[in-house]
Protein backbone atom coordinates (compact mmCIF):
# COMPACT_ATOMS: atom_id res chain seq x y z
CA GLN A 1 108.80 132.98 128.87
CA VAL A 2 108.40 129.30 127.41
CA HIS A 3 108.23 128.55 123.57
CA LEU A 4 106.25 125.39 122.77
CA VAL A 5 106.33 123.52 119.30
CA GLU A 6 104.22 120.47 118.82
CA SER A 7 104.91 117.63 116.19
CA GLY A 8 103.69 114.06 115.68
CA GLY A 9 99.81 114.76 114.26
CA GLY A 10 98.49 113.19 111.32
CA LEU A 11 95.91 110.98 110.01
CA VAL A 12 95.23 107.55 111.55
CA GLN A 13 92.84 104.78 111.27
CA PRO A 14 90.32 103.96 114.29
CA GLY A 15 92.08 101.77 116.58
CA GLY A 16 95.72 103.15 115.55
CA SER A 17 97.98 104.95 117.41
CA LEU A 18 99.91 108.41 117.48
CA ARG A 19 102.59 109.71 119.74
CA LEU A 20 102.58 113.73 119.80
CA SER A 21 105.66 115.62 121.04
CA CYS A 22 106.23 119.00 122.34
CA ALA A 23 109.49 120.60 122.46
CA ALA A 24 109.62 123.42 125.20
CA THR A 25 112.34 126.28 125.21
CA ARG A 26 112.38 128.44 128.27
CA SER A 27 114.53 131.38 129.54
CA SER A 28 114.18 130.69 133.22
CA ASP A 29 114.27 127.53 135.76
CA SER A 30 110.68 128.13 136.79
CA ILE A 31 108.90 124.66 137.11
CA TYR A 32 105.87 123.84 135.14
CA THR A 33 103.04 121.66 134.62
CA MET A 34 102.71 120.57 131.14
CA SER A 35 99.52 119.45 129.72
CA TRP A 36 97.94 118.58 126.47
CA HIS A 37 94.64 120.07 125.46
CA ARG A 38 92.43 119.53 122.20
CA GLN A 39 89.82 121.58 120.35
CA ALA A 40 87.57 119.88 117.90
CA PRO A 41 85.64 121.94 115.06
CA GLY A 42 82.90 123.68 116.96
CA LYS A 43 83.79 122.82 120.39
CA GLU A 44 85.82 124.46 123.39
CA ARG A 45 89.13 123.56 123.96
CA GLU A 46 89.25 120.74 126.75
CA LEU A 47 92.01 119.35 128.79
CA VAL A 48 93.26 116.07 127.88
CA ALA A 49 96.06 115.16 130.08
CA ALA A 50 98.45 116.79 132.44
CA MET A 51 101.59 116.12 134.36
CA SER A 52 102.98 118.36 137.16
CA SER A 53 106.58 118.59 138.12
CA THR A 54 106.32 116.02 140.63
CA GLU A 55 105.01 113.68 137.99
CA THR A 56 101.45 113.68 139.32
CA THR A 57 99.09 113.22 136.27
CA TYR A 58 95.45 113.63 135.21
CA TYR A 59 93.59 112.61 132.50
CA ALA A 60 90.08 113.43 131.13
CA ASP A 61 87.75 110.44 131.63
CA SER A 62 87.36 110.20 127.80
CA VAL A 63 91.06 109.19 127.20
CA LYS A 64 91.77 107.22 130.52
CA GLY A 65 93.27 103.89 129.75
CA ARG A 66 94.16 104.97 126.19
CA PHE A 67 96.30 107.92 126.32
CA THR A 68 99.62 108.31 128.37
CA ILE A 69 101.48 111.65 129.21
CA SER A 70 105.09 111.76 129.76
CA ARG A 71 108.00 114.28 130.04
CA ASP A 72 111.70 114.37 129.74
CA ASN A 73 112.92 117.37 131.70
CA ALA A 74 116.51 116.61 130.54
CA LYS A 75 115.54 117.18 126.83
CA ASN A 76 112.51 119.77 127.65
CA MET A 77 110.13 117.32 126.18
CA VAL A 78 106.47 116.12 126.54
CA TYR A 79 104.86 113.36 124.90
CA LEU A 80 101.29 112.09 124.61
CA GLN A 81 101.14 108.51 123.43
CA MET A 82 97.61 108.03 121.96
CA ASN A 83 96.30 104.43 121.41
CA SER A 84 93.06 103.10 120.38
CA LEU A 85 92.12 106.25 118.52
CA LYS A 86 88.56 106.91 117.93
CA SER A 87 86.97 109.45 115.50
CA GLY A 88 85.98 111.51 118.62
CA ASP A 89 89.61 112.11 119.10
CA THR A 90 89.84 114.22 115.92
CA ALA A 91 91.04 117.64 116.72
CA VAL A 92 93.94 120.47 117.03
CA TYR A 93 96.01 119.08 119.88
CA TYR A 94 97.96 121.95 121.86
CA CYS A 95 100.66 121.72 124.17
CA ASN A 96 100.64 123.93 127.31
CA ALA A 97 103.23 124.88 130.06
CA ARG A 98 101.83 126.65 133.37
CA ASN A 99 103.90 128.13 135.79
CA GLU A 100 103.23 126.14 139.20
CA LYS A 101 104.41 129.10 141.39
CA ALA A 102 102.80 131.79 139.10
CA PRO A 103 99.77 129.92 137.57
CA SER A 104 98.71 133.08 135.53
CA TYR A 105 101.75 132.63 133.29
CA ALA A 106 100.77 130.06 131.02
CA TYR A 107 102.05 129.29 127.44
CA TRP A 108 100.58 127.53 124.23
CA GLY A 109 102.03 125.77 121.21
CA GLN A 110 100.57 126.47 117.74
CA GLY A 111 98.75 122.95 117.94
CA THR A 112 98.87 119.81 115.61
CA GLN A 113 95.98 118.23 114.05
CA VAL A 114 94.91 114.87 114.69
CA THR A 115 92.37 113.07 112.25
CA VAL A 116 90.98 109.77 113.27
CA SER A 117 89.22 108.46 109.90
CA SER A 118 88.80 105.56 107.70
C-alpha cells in the first residue's frame, strides 16, 4: 500500500515556474515507477513525466525541455519542476506510484491544482 500527497500547486503567470512535490508513504520495500499525470477540464488524464527506479525518464512531447521529474528515495519524495509554463499547462496534477514487479498495483494522490493565467 502506498499513500501519496501532492503539494506545490497554485496560480502562476505564463512564463513562470512551479515545483510540485509528492510525499510517499509505503508499507513495503517494493520498488515503484513514479510519475506525474494531469487532467484539464473536459479532457482525459494524461501522463506528463515518469521516472523508474533506475531513473529512466519519460516526458510527454508537450513538456519536453520545460518540465523535469526527480526523486529522492531517501526522503520518499518525487518532484516536478515546471518552467516556462503556458496556459495549456493548467490542470489538476496527480502523482502516481506503480509497482514495477506487479504493475496492476498503482496508487494515486488526491491532486494539486495548477493554474497558469495572467
